[in-house]
PDB file of N, CA and C in Angstrom:
ATOM      1  N   MET A   1     -11.283   0.000  71.997  1.00  0.00           N
ATOM      2  CA  MET A   1     -12.139  -0.481  70.941  1.00  0.00           C
ATOM      3  C   MET A   1     -12.902  -1.672  71.501  1.00  0.00           C
ATOM      4  N   LEU A   2     -14.173  -1.715  71.224  1.00  0.00           N
ATOM      5  CA  LEU A   2     -15.025  -2.791  71.691  1.00  0.00           C
ATOM      6  C   LEU A   2     -15.613  -3.499  70.474  1.00  0.00           C
ATOM      7  N   LEU A   3     -15.314  -4.775  70.333  1.00  0.00           N
ATOM      8  CA  LEU A   3     -15.812  -5.568  69.208  1.00  0.00           C
ATOM      9  C   LEU A   3     -16.951  -6.441  69.677  1.00  0.00           C
ATOM     10  N   GLN A   4     -18.095  -6.342  69.014  1.00  0.00           N
ATOM     11  CA  GLN A   4     -19.271  -7.158  69.348  1.00  0.00           C
ATOM     12  C   GLN A   4     -19.344  -8.315  68.366  1.00  0.00           C
ATOM     13  N   MET A   5     -19.318  -9.554  68.888  1.00  0.00           N
ATOM     14  CA  MET A   5     -19.369 -10.739  68.034  1.00  0.00           C
ATOM     15  C   MET A   5     -20.784 -10.971  67.524  1.00  0.00           C
ATOM     16  N   LYS A   6     -20.894 -11.548  66.308  1.00  0.00           N
ATOM     17  CA  LYS A   6     -22.185 -11.703  65.651  1.00  0.00           C
ATOM     18  C   LYS A   6     -23.046 -12.790  66.282  1.00  0.00           C
ATOM     19  N   ASP A   7     -22.478 -13.951  66.560  1.00  0.00           N
ATOM     20  CA  ASP A   7     -23.273 -15.088  67.020  1.00  0.00           C
ATOM     21  C   ASP A   7     -23.387 -15.196  68.531  1.00  0.00           C
ATOM     22  N   SER A   8     -22.791 -14.283  69.257  1.00  0.00           N
ATOM     23  CA  SER A   8     -22.872 -14.338  70.718  1.00  0.00           C
ATOM     24  C   SER A   8     -23.036 -12.926  71.257  1.00  0.00           C
ATOM     25  N   ASN A   9     -23.334 -12.852  72.539  1.00  0.00           N
ATOM     26  CA  ASN A   9     -23.469 -11.547  73.184  1.00  0.00           C
ATOM     27  C   ASN A   9     -22.137 -11.098  73.769  1.00  0.00           C
ATOM     28  N   GLU A  10     -21.064 -11.779  73.394  1.00  0.00           N
ATOM     29  CA  GLU A  10     -19.752 -11.480  73.938  1.00  0.00           C
ATOM     30  C   GLU A  10     -19.148 -10.252  73.259  1.00  0.00           C
ATOM     31  N   SER A  11     -18.551  -9.399  74.063  1.00  0.00           N
ATOM     32  CA  SER A  11     -17.822  -8.241  73.548  1.00  0.00           C
ATOM     33  C   SER A  11     -16.354  -8.410  73.901  1.00  0.00           C
ATOM     34  N   VAL A  12     -15.483  -8.032  72.976  1.00  0.00           N
ATOM     35  CA  VAL A  12     -14.042  -8.159  73.186  1.00  0.00           C
ATOM     36  C   VAL A  12     -13.434  -6.766  73.149  1.00  0.00           C
ATOM     37  N   PHE A  13     -12.614  -6.449  74.152  1.00  0.00           N
ATOM     38  CA  PHE A  13     -11.958  -5.146  74.226  1.00  0.00           C
ATOM     39  C   PHE A  13     -10.575  -5.244  73.600  1.00  0.00           C
ATOM     40  N   ARG A  14     -10.218  -4.272  72.764  1.00  0.00           N
ATOM     41  CA  ARG A  14      -8.879  -4.172  72.172  1.00  0.00           C
ATOM     42  C   ARG A  14      -8.282  -2.819  72.578  1.00  0.00           C
ATOM     43  N   ASP A  15      -7.048  -2.842  73.061  1.00  0.00           N
ATOM     44  CA  ASP A  15      -6.365  -1.615  73.469  1.00  0.00           C
ATOM     45  C   ASP A  15      -5.961  -0.825  72.234  1.00  0.00           C
ATOM     46  N   THR A  16      -6.325   0.448  72.167  1.00  0.00           N
ATOM     47  CA  THR A  16      -6.018   1.289  71.003  1.00  0.00           C
ATOM     48  C   THR A  16      -5.009   2.386  71.339  1.00  0.00           C
ATOM     49  N   SER A  17      -4.240   2.194  72.386  1.00  0.00           N
ATOM     50  CA  SER A  17      -3.284   3.231  72.778  1.00  0.00           C
ATOM     51  C   SER A  17      -2.151   3.381  71.760  1.00  0.00           C
ATOM     52  N   SER A  18      -1.912   2.364  70.935  1.00  0.00           N
ATOM     53  CA  SER A  18      -0.843   2.447  69.931  1.00  0.00           C
ATOM     54  C   SER A  18      -1.377   2.779  68.536  1.00  0.00           C
ATOM     55  N   ALA A  19      -2.578   3.339  68.470  1.00  0.00           N
ATOM     56  CA  ALA A  19      -3.172   3.678  67.172  1.00  0.00           C
ATOM     57  C   ALA A  19      -2.390   4.789  66.502  1.00  0.00           C
ATOM     58  N   GLY A  20      -2.223   4.678  65.187  1.00  0.00           N
ATOM     59  CA  GLY A  20      -1.503   5.697  64.424  1.00  0.00           C
ATOM     60  C   GLY A  20      -2.426   6.817  63.993  1.00  0.00           C
ATOM     61  N   MET A  21      -1.832   7.959  63.646  1.00  0.00           N
ATOM     62  CA  MET A  21      -2.630   9.101  63.196  1.00  0.00           C
ATOM     63  C   MET A  21      -2.401   9.326  61.713  1.00  0.00           C
ATOM     64  N   SER A  22      -3.487   9.448  60.963  1.00  0.00           N
ATOM     65  CA  SER A  22      -3.416   9.715  59.542  1.00  0.00           C
ATOM     66  C   SER A  22      -3.057  11.181  59.320  1.00  0.00           C
ATOM     67  N   THR A  23      -2.033  11.419  58.490  1.00  0.00           N
ATOM     68  CA  THR A  23      -1.627  12.807  58.237  1.00  0.00           C
ATOM     69  C   THR A  23      -2.594  13.531  57.305  1.00  0.00           C
ATOM     70  N   SER A  24      -3.290  12.781  56.452  1.00  0.00           N
ATOM     71  CA  SER A  24      -4.194  13.437  55.503  1.00  0.00           C
ATOM     72  C   SER A  24      -5.542  13.789  56.135  1.00  0.00           C
ATOM     73  N   THR A  25      -6.093  12.907  56.968  1.00  0.00           N
ATOM     74  CA  THR A  25      -7.408  13.171  57.567  1.00  0.00           C
ATOM     75  C   THR A  25      -7.313  13.673  58.999  1.00  0.00           C
ATOM     76  N   LYS A  26      -6.110  13.676  59.562  1.00  0.00           N
ATOM     77  CA  LYS A  26      -5.884  14.113  60.951  1.00  0.00           C
ATOM     78  C   LYS A  26      -6.757  13.346  61.941  1.00  0.00           C
ATOM     79  N   SER A  27      -6.935  12.038  61.669  1.00  0.00           N
ATOM     80  CA  SER A  27      -7.702  11.206  62.578  1.00  0.00           C
ATOM     81  C   SER A  27      -6.905   9.941  62.885  1.00  0.00           C
ATOM     82  N   PHE A  28      -7.237   9.309  63.992  1.00  0.00           N
ATOM     83  CA  PHE A  28      -6.554   8.090  64.383  1.00  0.00           C
ATOM     84  C   PHE A  28      -7.191   6.890  63.701  1.00  0.00           C
ATOM     85  N   PHE A  29      -6.390   5.865  63.450  1.00  0.00           N
ATOM     86  CA  PHE A  29      -6.933   4.639  62.872  1.00  0.00           C
ATOM     87  C   PHE A  29      -6.321   3.446  63.579  1.00  0.00           C
ATOM     88  N   TYR A  30      -7.096   2.396  63.679  1.00  0.00           N
ATOM     89  CA  TYR A  30      -6.656   1.181  64.343  1.00  0.00           C
ATOM     90  C   TYR A  30      -7.404   0.015  63.712  1.00  0.00           C
ATOM     91  N   ALA A  31      -6.686  -1.037  63.346  1.00  0.00           N
ATOM     92  CA  ALA A  31      -7.318  -2.211  62.734  1.00  0.00           C
ATOM     93  C   ALA A  31      -7.703  -3.190  63.829  1.00  0.00           C
ATOM     94  N   GLY A  32      -8.987  -3.337  64.037  1.00  0.00           N
ATOM     95  CA  GLY A  32      -9.482  -4.324  64.999  1.00  0.00           C
ATOM     96  C   GLY A  32      -9.945  -5.555  64.251  1.00  0.00           C
ATOM     97  N   TYR A  33      -9.582  -6.725  64.727  1.00  0.00           N
ATOM     98  CA  TYR A  33      -9.947  -7.947  64.029  1.00  0.00           C
ATOM     99  C   TYR A  33     -10.237  -9.049  65.039  1.00  0.00           C
ATOM    100  N   SER A  34     -10.892 -10.072  64.552  1.00  0.00           N
ATOM    101  CA  SER A  34     -11.211 -11.233  65.367  1.00  0.00           C
ATOM    102  C   SER A  34     -11.398 -12.420  64.440  1.00  0.00           C
ATOM    103  N   ALA A  35     -11.177 -13.623  64.959  1.00  0.00           N
ATOM    104  CA  ALA A  35     -11.380 -14.826  64.160  1.00  0.00           C
ATOM    105  C   ALA A  35     -12.876 -15.065  63.923  1.00  0.00           C
ATOM    106  N   GLU A  36     -13.696 -14.542  64.800  1.00  0.00           N
ATOM    107  CA  GLU A  36     -15.146 -14.688  64.658  1.00  0.00           C
ATOM    108  C   GLU A  36     -15.706 -13.523  63.835  1.00  0.00           C
ATOM    109  N   GLU A  37     -16.913 -13.716  63.310  1.00  0.00           N
ATOM    110  CA  GLU A  37     -17.557 -12.659  62.539  1.00  0.00           C
ATOM    111  C   GLU A  37     -18.056 -11.574  63.485  1.00  0.00           C
ATOM    112  N   LEU A  38     -17.851 -10.307  63.091  1.00  0.00           N
ATOM    113  CA  LEU A  38     -18.205  -9.185  63.952  1.00  0.00           C
ATOM    114  C   LEU A  38     -19.587  -8.636  63.623  1.00  0.00           C
ATOM    115  N   GLU A  39     -20.281  -8.223  64.653  1.00  0.00           N
ATOM    116  CA  GLU A  39     -21.581  -7.560  64.511  1.00  0.00           C
ATOM    117  C   GLU A  39     -21.383  -6.052  64.411  1.00  0.00           C
ATOM    118  N   SER A  40     -20.579  -5.511  65.336  1.00  0.00           N
ATOM    119  CA  SER A  40     -20.335  -4.072  65.342  1.00  0.00           C
ATOM    120  C   SER A  40     -18.995  -3.780  66.011  1.00  0.00           C
ATOM    121  N   CYS A  41     -18.566  -2.555  65.851  1.00  0.00           N
ATOM    122  CA  CYS A  41     -17.307  -2.101  66.420  1.00  0.00           C
ATOM    123  C   CYS A  41     -17.534  -0.725  67.020  1.00  0.00           C
ATOM    124  N   GLU A  42     -17.076  -0.524  68.260  1.00  0.00           N
ATOM    125  CA  GLU A  42     -17.260   0.756  68.928  1.00  0.00           C
ATOM    126  C   GLU A  42     -15.901   1.322  69.316  1.00  0.00           C
ATOM    127  N   LEU A  43     -15.686   2.598  68.992  1.00  0.00           N
ATOM    128  CA  LEU A  43     -14.458   3.282  69.351  1.00  0.00           C
ATOM    129  C   LEU A  43     -14.805   4.715  69.712  1.00  0.00           C
ATOM    130  N   ASN A  44     -14.433   5.137  70.911  1.00  0.00           N
ATOM    131  CA  ASN A  44     -14.734   6.490  71.407  1.00  0.00           C
ATOM    132  C   ASN A  44     -16.228   6.799  71.339  1.00  0.00           C
ATOM    133  N   ARG A  45     -17.035   5.865  71.780  1.00  0.00           N
ATOM    134  CA  ARG A  45     -18.501   5.981  71.835  1.00  0.00           C
ATOM    135  C   ARG A  45     -19.149   6.168  70.465  1.00  0.00           C
ATOM    136  N   VAL A  46     -18.453   5.786  69.391  1.00  0.00           N
ATOM    137  CA  VAL A  46     -19.014   5.808  68.036  1.00  0.00           C
ATOM    138  C   VAL A  46     -19.048   4.358  67.560  1.00  0.00           C
ATOM    139  N   THR A  47     -20.230   3.903  67.154  1.00  0.00           N
ATOM    140  CA  THR A  47     -20.420   2.512  66.753  1.00  0.00           C
ATOM    141  C   THR A  47     -20.664   2.425  65.256  1.00  0.00           C
ATOM    142  N   THR A  48     -20.058   1.441  64.628  1.00  0.00           N
ATOM    143  CA  THR A  48     -20.301   1.194  63.211  1.00  0.00           C
ATOM    144  C   THR A  48     -20.696  -0.269  63.030  1.00  0.00           C
ATOM    145  N   LYS A  49     -21.585  -0.503  62.103  1.00  0.00           N
ATOM    146  CA  LYS A  49     -22.000  -1.867  61.782  1.00  0.00           C
ATOM    147  C   LYS A  49     -21.565  -2.247  60.377  1.00  0.00           C
ATOM    148  N   GLU A  50     -20.855  -1.349  59.703  1.00  0.00           N
ATOM    149  CA  GLU A  50     -20.371  -1.621  58.347  1.00  0.00           C
ATOM    150  C   GLU A  50     -18.997  -2.264  58.440  1.00  0.00           C
ATOM    151  N   MET A  51     -18.949  -3.572  58.292  1.00  0.00           N
ATOM    152  CA  MET A  51     -17.694  -4.305  58.368  1.00  0.00           C
ATOM    153  C   MET A  51     -17.236  -4.671  56.963  1.00  0.00           C
ATOM    154  N   GLU A  52     -15.942  -4.565  56.712  1.00  0.00           N
ATOM    155  CA  GLU A  52     -15.410  -4.940  55.407  1.00  0.00           C
ATOM    156  C   GLU A  52     -15.388  -6.465  55.286  1.00  0.00           C
ATOM    157  N   LYS A  53     -15.680  -6.915  54.099  1.00  0.00           N
ATOM    158  CA  LYS A  53     -15.656  -8.345  53.820  1.00  0.00           C
ATOM    159  C   LYS A  53     -14.217  -8.815  53.668  1.00  0.00           C
ATOM    160  N   ASP A  54     -14.066 -10.111  53.663  1.00  0.00           N
ATOM    161  CA  ASP A  54     -12.745 -10.718  53.512  1.00  0.00           C
ATOM    162  C   ASP A  54     -12.147 -10.337  52.166  1.00  0.00           C
ATOM    163  N   LYS A  55     -10.936  -9.825  52.172  1.00  0.00           N
ATOM    164  CA  LYS A  55     -10.282  -9.385  50.942  1.00  0.00           C
ATOM    165  C   LYS A  55      -9.189 -10.360  50.516  1.00  0.00           C
ATOM    166  N   SER A  56      -9.326 -11.620  50.893  1.00  0.00           N
ATOM    167  CA  SER A  56      -8.272 -12.578  50.566  1.00  0.00           C
ATOM    168  C   SER A  56      -8.180 -12.818  49.057  1.00  0.00           C
ATOM    169  N   ARG A  57      -9.302 -12.802  48.366  1.00  0.00           N
ATOM    170  CA  ARG A  57      -9.272 -13.008  46.914  1.00  0.00           C
ATOM    171  C   ARG A  57      -8.550 -11.855  46.213  1.00  0.00           C
ATOM    172  N   LEU A  58      -8.837 -10.636  46.653  1.00  0.00           N
ATOM    173  CA  LEU A  58      -8.155  -9.471  46.101  1.00  0.00           C
ATOM    174  C   LEU A  58      -6.659  -9.544  46.390  1.00  0.00           C
ATOM    175  N   SER A  59      -6.301  -9.923  47.599  1.00  0.00           N
ATOM    176  CA  SER A  59      -4.885 -10.041  47.964  1.00  0.00           C
ATOM    177  C   SER A  59      -4.196 -11.092  47.107  1.00  0.00           C
ATOM    178  N   TYR A  60      -4.899 -12.194  46.838  1.00  0.00           N
ATOM    179  CA  TYR A  60      -4.330 -13.253  45.999  1.00  0.00           C
ATOM    180  C   TYR A  60      -4.028 -12.724  44.601  1.00  0.00           C
ATOM    181  N   PHE A  61      -4.973 -12.000  44.010  1.00  0.00           N
ATOM    182  CA  PHE A  61      -4.764 -11.486  42.661  1.00  0.00           C
ATOM    183  C   PHE A  61      -3.685 -10.400  42.617  1.00  0.00           C
ATOM    184  N   LEU A  62      -3.597  -9.588  43.656  1.00  0.00           N
ATOM    185  CA  LEU A  62      -2.528  -8.587  43.705  1.00  0.00           C
ATOM    186  C   LEU A  62      -1.162  -9.256  43.828  1.00  0.00           C
ATOM    187  N   LEU A  63      -1.074 -10.315  44.618  1.00  0.00           N
ATOM    188  CA  LEU A  63       0.174 -11.058  44.744  1.00  0.00           C
ATOM    189  C   LEU A  63       0.527 -11.741  43.429  1.00  0.00           C
ATOM    190  N   LEU A  64      -0.465 -12.305  42.751  1.00  0.00           N
ATOM    191  CA  LEU A  64      -0.243 -12.937  41.451  1.00  0.00           C
ATOM    192  C   LEU A  64       0.236 -11.905  40.427  1.00  0.00           C
ATOM    193  N   LEU A  65      -0.377 -10.738  40.411  1.00  0.00           N
ATOM    194  CA  LEU A  65       0.027  -9.676  39.493  1.00  0.00           C
ATOM    195  C   LEU A  65       1.460  -9.236  39.775  1.00  0.00           C
ATOM    196  N   HIS A  66       1.812  -9.099  41.036  1.00  0.00           N
ATOM    197  CA  HIS A  66       3.181  -8.728  41.399  1.00  0.00           C
ATOM    198  C   HIS A  66       4.171  -9.794  40.933  1.00  0.00           C
ATOM    199  N   GLY A  67       3.831 -11.066  41.114  1.00  0.00           N
ATOM    200  CA  GLY A  67       4.693 -12.155  40.656  1.00  0.00           C
ATOM    201  C   GLY A  67       4.886 -12.136  39.150  1.00  0.00           C
ATOM    202  N   LEU A  68       3.823 -11.869  38.411  1.00  0.00           N
ATOM    203  CA  LEU A  68       3.935 -11.793  36.952  1.00  0.00           C
ATOM    204  C   LEU A  68       4.800 -10.614  36.516  1.00  0.00           C
ATOM    205  N   ARG A  69       4.706  -9.504  37.216  1.00  0.00           N
ATOM    206  CA  ARG A  69       5.549  -8.352  36.902  1.00  0.00           C
ATOM    207  C   ARG A  69       7.025  -8.673  37.137  1.00  0.00           C
ATOM    208  N   VAL A  70       7.310  -9.358  38.238  1.00  0.00           N
ATOM    209  CA  VAL A  70       8.695  -9.748  38.526  1.00  0.00           C
ATOM    210  C   VAL A  70       9.200 -10.710  37.460  1.00  0.00           C
ATOM    211  N   LEU A  71       8.379 -11.679  37.086  1.00  0.00           N
ATOM    212  CA  LEU A  71       8.763 -12.640  36.054  1.00  0.00           C
ATOM    213  C   LEU A  71       9.015 -11.931  34.716  1.00  0.00           C
ATOM    214  N   PHE A  72       8.161 -11.000  34.340  1.00  0.00           N
ATOM    215  CA  PHE A  72       8.344 -10.250  33.101  1.00  0.00           C
ATOM    216  C   PHE A  72       9.633  -9.434  33.136  1.00  0.00           C
ATOM    217  N   THR A  73       9.891  -8.784  34.258  1.00  0.00           N
ATOM    218  CA  THR A  73      11.104  -7.977  34.397  1.00  0.00           C
ATOM    219  C   THR A  73      12.351  -8.844  34.289  1.00  0.00           C
ATOM    220  N   LYS A  74      12.338 -10.003  34.938  1.00  0.00           N
ATOM    221  CA  LYS A  74      13.490 -10.903  34.870  1.00  0.00           C
ATOM    222  C   LYS A  74      13.703 -11.394  33.438  1.00  0.00           C
ATOM    223  N   THR A  75      12.627 -11.701  32.738  1.00  0.00           N
ATOM    224  CA  THR A  75      12.726 -12.149  31.345  1.00  0.00           C
ATOM    225  C   THR A  75      13.300 -11.046  30.468  1.00  0.00           C
ATOM    226  N   LEU A  76      12.833  -9.830  30.666  1.00  0.00           N
ATOM    227  CA  LEU A  76      13.312  -8.704  29.888  1.00  0.00           C
ATOM    228  C   LEU A  76      14.813  -8.470  30.121  1.00  0.00           C
ATOM    229  N   VAL A  77      15.228  -8.486  31.367  1.00  0.00           N
ATOM    230  CA  VAL A  77      16.651  -8.284  31.693  1.00  0.00           C
ATOM    231  C   VAL A  77      17.490  -9.412  31.110  1.00  0.00           C
ATOM    232  N   PHE A  78      17.018 -10.641  31.228  1.00  0.00           N
ATOM    233  CA  PHE A  78      17.731 -11.800  30.687  1.00  0.00           C
ATOM    234  C   PHE A  78      17.926 -11.658  29.170  1.00  0.00           C
ATOM    235  N   ASN A  79      16.880 -11.277  28.462  1.00  0.00           N
ATOM    236  CA  ASN A  79      16.966 -11.111  27.013  1.00  0.00           C
ATOM    237  C   ASN A  79      17.910  -9.980  26.624  1.00  0.00           C
ATOM    238  N   VAL A  80      17.865  -8.867  27.326  1.00  0.00           N
ATOM    239  CA  VAL A  80      18.756  -7.746  27.027  1.00  0.00           C
ATOM    240  C   VAL A  80      20.212  -8.147  27.259  1.00  0.00           C
ATOM    241  N   LEU A  81      20.483  -8.829  28.362  1.00  0.00           N
ATOM    242  CA  LEU A  81      21.857  -9.257  28.641  1.00  0.00           C
ATOM    243  C   LEU A  81      22.390 -10.206  27.568  1.00  0.00           C
ATOM    244  N   PHE A  82      21.575 -11.154  27.138  1.00  0.00           N
ATOM    245  CA  PHE A  82      22.039 -12.083  26.110  1.00  0.00           C
ATOM    246  C   PHE A  82      22.171 -11.416  24.742  1.00  0.00           C
ATOM    247  N   THR A  83      21.352 -10.418  24.466  1.00  0.00           N
ATOM    248  CA  THR A  83      21.505  -9.669  23.218  1.00  0.00           C
ATOM    249  C   THR A  83      22.817  -8.893  23.226  1.00  0.00           C
ATOM    250  N   ILE A  84      23.110  -8.245  24.329  1.00  0.00           N
ATOM    251  CA  ILE A  84      24.379  -7.520  24.441  1.00  0.00           C
ATOM    252  C   ILE A  84      25.558  -8.483  24.334  1.00  0.00           C
ATOM    253  N   ARG A  85      25.438  -9.626  24.980  1.00  0.00           N
ATOM    254  CA  ARG A  85      26.511 -10.627  24.918  1.00  0.00           C
ATOM    255  C   ARG A  85      26.733 -11.098  23.480  1.00  0.00           C
ATOM    256  N   ALA A  86      25.648 -11.331  22.753  1.00  0.00           N
ATOM    257  CA  ALA A  86      25.762 -11.786  21.365  1.00  0.00           C
ATOM    258  C   ALA A  86      26.378 -10.703  20.488  1.00  0.00           C
ATOM    259  N   LEU A  87      26.004  -9.454  20.702  1.00  0.00           N
ATOM    260  CA  LEU A  87      26.580  -8.362  19.920  1.00  0.00           C
ATOM    261  C   LEU A  87      28.075  -8.194  20.201  1.00  0.00           C
ATOM    262  N   LEU A  88      28.450  -8.300  21.455  1.00  0.00           N
ATOM    263  CA  LEU A  88      29.863  -8.190  21.802  1.00  0.00           C
ATOM    264  C   LEU A  88      30.670  -9.361  21.246  1.00  0.00           C
ATOM    265  N   ALA A  89      30.071 -10.554  21.251  1.00  0.00           N
ATOM    266  CA  ALA A  89      30.761 -11.729  20.726  1.00  0.00           C
ATOM    267  C   ALA A  89      30.913 -11.622  19.209  1.00  0.00           C
ATOM    268  N   SER A  90      29.928 -11.063  18.526  1.00  0.00           N
ATOM    269  CA  SER A  90      30.014 -10.956  17.069  1.00  0.00           C
ATOM    270  C   SER A  90      31.051  -9.915  16.644  1.00  0.00           C
ATOM    271  N   ARG A  91      31.317  -8.925  17.471  1.00  0.00           N
ATOM    272  CA  ARG A  91      32.328  -7.915  17.157  1.00  0.00           C
ATOM    273  C   ARG A  91      33.742  -8.485  17.246  1.00  0.00           C
ATOM    274  N   SER A  92      33.907  -9.511  18.071  1.00  0.00           N
ATOM    275  CA  SER A  92      35.240 -10.079  18.227  1.00  0.00           C
ATOM    276  C   SER A  92      35.572 -11.082  17.124  1.00  0.00           C
ATOM    277  N   LEU A  93      34.565 -11.456  16.313  1.00  0.00           N
ATOM    278  CA  LEU A  93      34.803 -12.395  15.208  1.00  0.00           C
ATOM    279  C   LEU A  93      35.423 -11.661  14.021  1.00  0.00           C
ATOM    280  N   PRO A  94      36.158 -12.376  13.181  1.00  0.00           N
ATOM    281  CA  PRO A  94      36.676 -11.778  11.943  1.00  0.00           C
ATOM    282  C   PRO A  94      35.496 -11.404  11.028  1.00  0.00           C
ATOM    283  N   PRO A  95      35.665 -10.435  10.144  1.00  0.00           N
ATOM    284  CA  PRO A  95      34.566  -9.954   9.299  1.00  0.00           C
ATOM    285  C   PRO A  95      33.931 -11.056   8.447  1.00  0.00           C
ATOM    286  N   GLN A  96      34.674 -12.117   8.059  1.00  0.00           N
ATOM    287  CA  GLN A  96      34.123 -13.178   7.223  1.00  0.00           C
ATOM    288  C   GLN A  96      33.081 -14.023   7.977  1.00  0.00           C
ATOM    289  N   GLN A  97      33.189 -14.113   9.325  1.00  0.00           N
ATOM    290  CA  GLN A  97      32.288 -14.968  10.103  1.00  0.00           C
ATOM    291  C   GLN A  97      31.120 -14.186  10.719  1.00  0.00           C
ATOM    292  N   ARG A  98      31.065 -12.918  10.542  1.00  0.00           N
ATOM    293  CA  ARG A  98      29.979 -12.107  11.124  1.00  0.00           C
ATOM    294  C   ARG A  98      28.707 -12.311  10.315  1.00  0.00           C
ATOM    295  N   HIS A  99      27.587 -12.445  11.002  1.00  0.00           N
ATOM    296  CA  HIS A  99      26.274 -12.622  10.353  1.00  0.00           C
ATOM    297  C   HIS A  99      25.408 -11.378  10.502  1.00  0.00           C
ATOM    298  N   LEU A 100      25.860 -10.396  11.218  1.00  0.00           N
ATOM    299  CA  LEU A 100      25.041  -9.196  11.440  1.00  0.00           C
ATOM    300  C   LEU A 100      25.296  -8.129  10.403  1.00  0.00           C
TER     301      LEU A 100
END
């Protein structure tokens, strides 16, 4: 893989011998990246100039959504456990002290 940097004429070579093969499209894929902004990417004599933008904002919101789901699940489990505990405790009381 040959990465062409945007602000310079420098090209960076990345070894793609460990690229994985997609079972659905039957094609190889490899994530090439650089700290600098890319102009183009060439792999097997095919060049593309369509580079994906930074997805850090999307990743942040997906992580936030996952955290909220975990928090909701923990709250739900906590409430169910305490409800069961309260029901079991009320069964052990004499009938005069039961409020349920």
